[in-house]
């Protein structure tokens, strides 16, 4: 990445002491600063992240993925980078793919880049693929965007997107909300192929509970959108 471009990477983390050090060190090769949002970890996540050279924002209690993303986004707004990269701290995403992920933003072609797992789709566990299909379909319905994979947490944002996005979802549905909000604010959204690795001890979330919770929140957003559009039509 060009030295004239100010770049920042943010990672939400919860009990990721096994992977956080390596992920921070790899990510630092491509960005100017790494900020970890430690969501109440009970292990040495914060300590190891600091030793690896990351800035750590720690919460003493577990508040959820969405809340952590909101806090990290607020911190990014204060720093005002040209490019912001969001990735997981559990080694699911490959930091070496950051240059390719941010390329549409650097070239002025996009404001929000969403990692797409299309090329590695067959390597994703079947039950996850089924859930992702449903959530992606609903998010596309909500946003009006035709995307292959709306749930991947490996993303990049332009300075314009950082300034304009105002997210409120406290849980994992913030991924869908981001695409919806970007659409409402006429931000350009594109997908870029990324790889993914599912480790047995990677995610601390129950996939079924996560999926159902996500489903309910996206359906709620769709319902609210319909109510809003109905009111607008009556004006």
Protein backbone atom coordinates (compact mmCIF):
# COMPACT_ATOMS: atom_id res chain seq x y z
CA UNK A 1 0.00 0.00 0.00
CA UNK A 2 1.31 3.46 -0.88
CA UNK A 3 2.97 5.37 1.94
CA UNK A 4 0.77 8.36 1.12
CA UNK A 5 -2.36 6.38 1.97
CA UNK A 6 -3.21 6.22 5.66
CA UNK A 7 -4.52 2.76 6.49
CA UNK A 8 -6.02 1.26 9.62
CA UNK A 9 -7.12 -2.27 10.46
CA UNK A 10 -9.67 -3.09 13.15
CA UNK A 11 -10.44 -6.48 14.69
CA UNK A 12 -13.10 -7.47 17.19
CA UNK A 13 -11.74 -10.18 19.48
CA UNK A 14 -13.04 -12.42 22.23
CA UNK A 15 -10.76 -15.00 23.86
CA UNK A 16 -8.41 -15.16 20.86
CA UNK A 17 -5.05 -15.48 22.64
CA UNK A 18 -4.09 -18.45 20.44
CA UNK A 19 -4.25 -16.51 17.16
CA UNK A 20 -4.24 -12.78 17.94
CA UNK A 21 -0.46 -12.27 18.04
CA UNK A 22 0.16 -13.83 14.64
CA UNK A 23 -2.81 -12.06 13.02
CA UNK A 24 -1.70 -8.66 14.35
CA UNK A 25 1.88 -9.16 13.13
CA UNK A 26 0.75 -10.27 9.67
CA UNK A 27 -1.76 -7.43 9.38
CA UNK A 28 0.82 -4.81 10.40
CA UNK A 29 2.73 -5.59 7.20
CA UNK A 30 -0.05 -3.92 5.20
CA UNK A 31 -1.44 -1.12 7.39
CA UNK A 32 -0.19 1.77 9.48
CA UNK A 33 -2.00 0.73 12.66
CA UNK A 34 -3.98 -2.19 14.06
CA UNK A 35 -6.68 -1.65 16.67
CA UNK A 36 -8.13 -4.58 18.60
CA UNK A 37 -11.56 -4.37 20.20
CA UNK A 38 -11.28 -6.81 23.10
CA UNK A 39 -14.88 -7.67 23.97
CA UNK A 40 -14.37 -8.79 27.56
CA UNK A 41 -11.89 -11.62 26.93
CA UNK A 42 -11.05 -13.76 29.93
CA UNK A 43 -7.68 -14.83 28.55
CA UNK A 44 -4.52 -12.98 27.46
CA UNK A 45 -5.94 -11.58 24.20
CA UNK A 46 -5.25 -7.95 25.15
CA UNK A 47 -1.80 -8.63 26.55
CA UNK A 48 -0.62 -10.56 23.48
CA UNK A 49 -2.16 -8.04 21.07
CA UNK A 50 -0.27 -5.21 22.77
CA UNK A 51 2.99 -7.17 22.68
CA UNK A 52 2.45 -7.68 18.95
CA UNK A 53 2.14 -3.92 18.49
CA UNK A 54 -1.61 -3.35 18.36
CA UNK A 55 -3.61 -0.63 20.06
CA UNK A 56 -6.21 -2.27 22.31
CA UNK A 57 -9.65 -0.98 23.25
CA UNK A 58 -10.79 -3.27 26.04
CA UNK A 59 -14.25 -3.72 27.49
CA UNK A 60 -14.47 -5.48 30.85
CA UNK A 61 -17.70 -7.30 29.92
CA UNK A 62 -18.76 -9.12 26.77
CA UNK A 63 -21.06 -6.73 24.90
CA UNK A 64 -21.29 -8.46 21.53
CA UNK A 65 -19.80 -8.32 18.04
CA UNK A 66 -21.94 -5.43 16.82
CA UNK A 67 -21.20 -3.21 19.81
CA UNK A 68 -17.48 -3.86 19.40
CA UNK A 69 -17.65 -2.97 15.69
CA UNK A 70 -19.48 0.27 16.53
CA UNK A 71 -16.75 1.25 19.01
CA UNK A 72 -14.00 0.40 16.55
CA UNK A 73 -15.73 2.36 13.79
CA UNK A 74 -16.04 5.36 16.10
CA UNK A 75 -12.32 5.15 16.83
CA UNK A 76 -11.63 4.92 13.10
CA UNK A 77 -13.65 8.08 12.53
CA UNK A 78 -11.43 9.89 15.05
CA UNK A 79 -8.30 8.77 13.23
CA UNK A 80 -9.76 9.49 9.78
CA UNK A 81 -7.76 6.99 7.68
CA UNK A 82 -8.03 6.78 3.90
CA UNK A 83 -8.73 3.06 4.08
CA UNK A 84 -10.15 0.93 6.88
CA UNK A 85 -9.88 -2.86 6.94
CA UNK A 86 -12.09 -5.05 9.11
CA UNK A 87 -11.10 -8.66 9.75
CA UNK A 88 -11.57 -11.39 12.32
CA UNK A 89 -9.00 -12.18 14.99
CA UNK A 90 -9.49 -15.97 14.89
CA UNK A 91 -7.28 -16.69 11.82
CA UNK A 92 -10.34 -17.18 9.61
CA UNK A 93 -9.18 -14.40 7.28
CA UNK A 94 -5.80 -14.12 5.59
CA UNK A 95 -4.10 -10.73 6.12
CA UNK A 96 -1.97 -11.34 3.01
CA UNK A 97 -5.16 -10.72 1.00
CA UNK A 98 -5.50 -7.14 2.29
CA UNK A 99 -3.85 -5.53 -0.80
CA UNK A 100 -6.35 -7.23 -3.11
CA UNK A 101 -9.27 -6.38 -0.82
CA UNK A 102 -8.48 -2.66 -0.71
CA UNK A 103 -7.60 -2.33 -4.40
CA UNK A 104 -11.10 -1.14 -5.50
CA UNK A 105 -10.93 1.61 -2.87
CA UNK A 106 -7.39 2.67 -3.75
CA UNK A 107 -8.42 2.84 -7.42
CA UNK A 108 -11.46 4.95 -6.56
CA UNK A 109 -13.91 2.30 -7.74
CA UNK A 110 -15.69 1.52 -4.48
CA UNK A 111 -16.51 2.76 -0.98
CA UNK A 112 -17.29 -0.58 0.66
CA UNK A 113 -15.58 -3.84 -0.31
CA UNK A 114 -17.06 -7.10 0.97
CA UNK A 115 -15.01 -10.28 0.95
CA UNK A 116 -16.73 -13.02 -1.04
CA UNK A 117 -16.15 -16.70 -0.25
CA UNK A 118 -17.42 -17.78 -3.67
CA UNK A 119 -14.15 -19.40 -4.77
CA UNK A 120 -13.77 -21.40 -1.55
CA UNK A 121 -17.48 -22.09 -1.07
CA UNK A 122 -17.07 -25.88 -1.19
CA UNK A 123 -14.61 -25.77 1.73
CA UNK A 124 -17.22 -24.19 4.02
CA UNK A 125 -19.10 -26.74 6.18
CA UNK A 126 -22.45 -27.65 4.61
CA UNK A 127 -24.57 -26.43 7.52
CA UNK A 128 -22.81 -23.06 7.36
CA UNK A 129 -23.38 -22.78 3.62
CA UNK A 130 -27.09 -23.41 4.08
CA UNK A 131 -27.38 -20.69 6.71
CA UNK A 132 -25.29 -18.26 4.70
CA UNK A 133 -27.53 -18.73 1.67
CA UNK A 134 -30.61 -17.76 3.67
CA UNK A 135 -28.98 -14.76 5.34
CA UNK A 136 -27.47 -13.53 2.08
CA UNK A 137 -30.83 -13.80 0.30
CA UNK A 138 -32.54 -11.76 3.02
CA UNK A 139 -29.77 -9.16 3.12
CA UNK A 140 -30.00 -8.74 -0.65
CA UNK A 141 -33.75 -8.33 -0.28
CA UNK A 142 -33.22 -5.74 2.46
CA UNK A 143 -30.56 -3.74 0.65
CA UNK A 144 -31.54 -4.20 -2.97
CA UNK A 145 -27.97 -5.29 -3.69
CA UNK A 146 -27.23 -8.50 -5.60
CA UNK A 147 -24.27 -10.03 -3.77
CA UNK A 148 -23.04 -13.60 -3.43
CA UNK A 149 -21.85 -13.41 0.18
CA UNK A 150 -23.14 -10.71 2.51
CA UNK A 151 -21.96 -12.30 5.76
CA UNK A 152 -18.19 -12.34 5.38
CA UNK A 153 -16.54 -10.18 8.03
CA UNK A 154 -13.46 -9.43 5.92
CA UNK A 155 -14.20 -5.95 4.57
CA UNK A 156 -12.68 -2.62 3.58
CA UNK A 157 -14.05 0.92 3.71
CA UNK A 158 -13.11 4.22 2.13
CA UNK A 159 -12.76 7.41 4.15
CA UNK A 160 -16.14 8.50 2.80
CA UNK A 161 -17.80 5.29 4.02
CA UNK A 162 -16.16 5.58 7.44
CA UNK A 163 -17.59 9.06 7.87
CA UNK A 164 -21.09 8.22 6.62
CA UNK A 165 -21.88 4.83 8.12
CA UNK A 166 -23.93 4.93 11.31
CA UNK A 167 -24.49 1.41 12.61
CA UNK A 168 -26.77 0.38 15.47
CA UNK A 169 -27.00 -3.42 15.48
CA UNK A 170 -25.44 -4.95 18.60
CA UNK A 171 -25.00 -8.48 17.28
CA UNK A 172 -23.82 -10.25 14.14
CA UNK A 173 -26.60 -8.68 12.05
CA UNK A 174 -24.37 -5.61 11.84
CA UNK A 175 -22.88 -7.26 8.73
CA UNK A 176 -26.24 -7.05 6.94
CA UNK A 177 -26.93 -3.60 8.38
CA UNK A 178 -23.64 -2.32 6.96
CA UNK A 179 -24.66 -3.27 3.42
CA UNK A 180 -28.14 -1.84 3.91
CA UNK A 181 -26.81 1.45 5.29
CA UNK A 182 -24.25 1.71 2.50
CA UNK A 183 -27.04 1.30 -0.04
CA UNK A 184 -29.24 3.92 1.62
CA UNK A 185 -26.37 6.40 1.52
CA UNK A 186 -25.51 5.68 -2.11
CA UNK A 187 -22.11 4.25 -1.30
CA UNK A 188 -20.57 1.99 -3.92
CA UNK A 189 -20.36 -1.65 -2.82
CA UNK A 190 -18.38 -4.40 -4.55
CA UNK A 191 -17.28 -7.94 -3.72
CA UNK A 192 -13.71 -9.27 -3.90
CA UNK A 193 -12.85 -12.99 -3.65
CA UNK A 194 -11.21 -14.02 -0.37
CA UNK A 195 -10.23 -17.31 1.19
CA UNK A 196 -11.42 -18.60 4.54
CA UNK A 197 -10.20 -21.11 7.11
CA UNK A 198 -12.51 -22.65 9.69
CA UNK A 199 -10.54 -23.87 12.70
CA UNK A 200 -12.20 -26.09 15.30
CA UNK A 201 -11.46 -23.59 18.05
CA UNK A 202 -11.85 -20.44 15.93
CA UNK A 203 -15.30 -19.07 16.55
CA UNK A 204 -16.68 -18.79 20.09
CA UNK A 205 -20.24 -18.44 18.79
CA UNK A 206 -22.77 -21.24 18.51
CA UNK A 207 -23.46 -21.29 14.74
CA UNK A 208 -27.14 -22.24 15.09
CA UNK A 209 -27.85 -19.62 17.74
CA UNK A 210 -25.82 -17.09 15.77
CA UNK A 211 -27.74 -17.87 12.59
CA UNK A 212 -31.17 -17.68 14.18
CA UNK A 213 -30.36 -14.45 15.97
CA UNK A 214 -29.06 -12.98 12.75
CA UNK A 215 -32.14 -14.14 10.88
CA UNK A 216 -34.51 -12.50 13.34
CA UNK A 217 -32.67 -9.18 13.27
CA UNK A 218 -32.55 -9.06 9.45
CA UNK A 219 -36.27 -9.87 9.26
CA UNK A 220 -36.86 -7.05 11.75
CA UNK A 221 -34.91 -4.62 9.54
CA UNK A 222 -36.92 -5.73 6.50
CA UNK A 223 -40.16 -5.16 8.40
CA UNK A 224 -39.07 -1.70 9.53
CA UNK A 225 -38.09 -0.82 5.97
CA UNK A 226 -41.52 -1.83 4.68
CA UNK A 227 -43.23 0.28 7.34
CA UNK A 228 -41.03 3.27 6.49
CA UNK A 229 -41.67 2.93 2.75
CA UNK A 230 -45.41 2.61 3.37
CA UNK A 231 -45.41 5.85 5.37
CA UNK A 232 -43.40 7.60 2.68
CA UNK A 233 -45.91 6.54 0.02
CA UNK A 234 -48.79 8.00 2.03
CA UNK A 235 -47.16 11.41 2.30
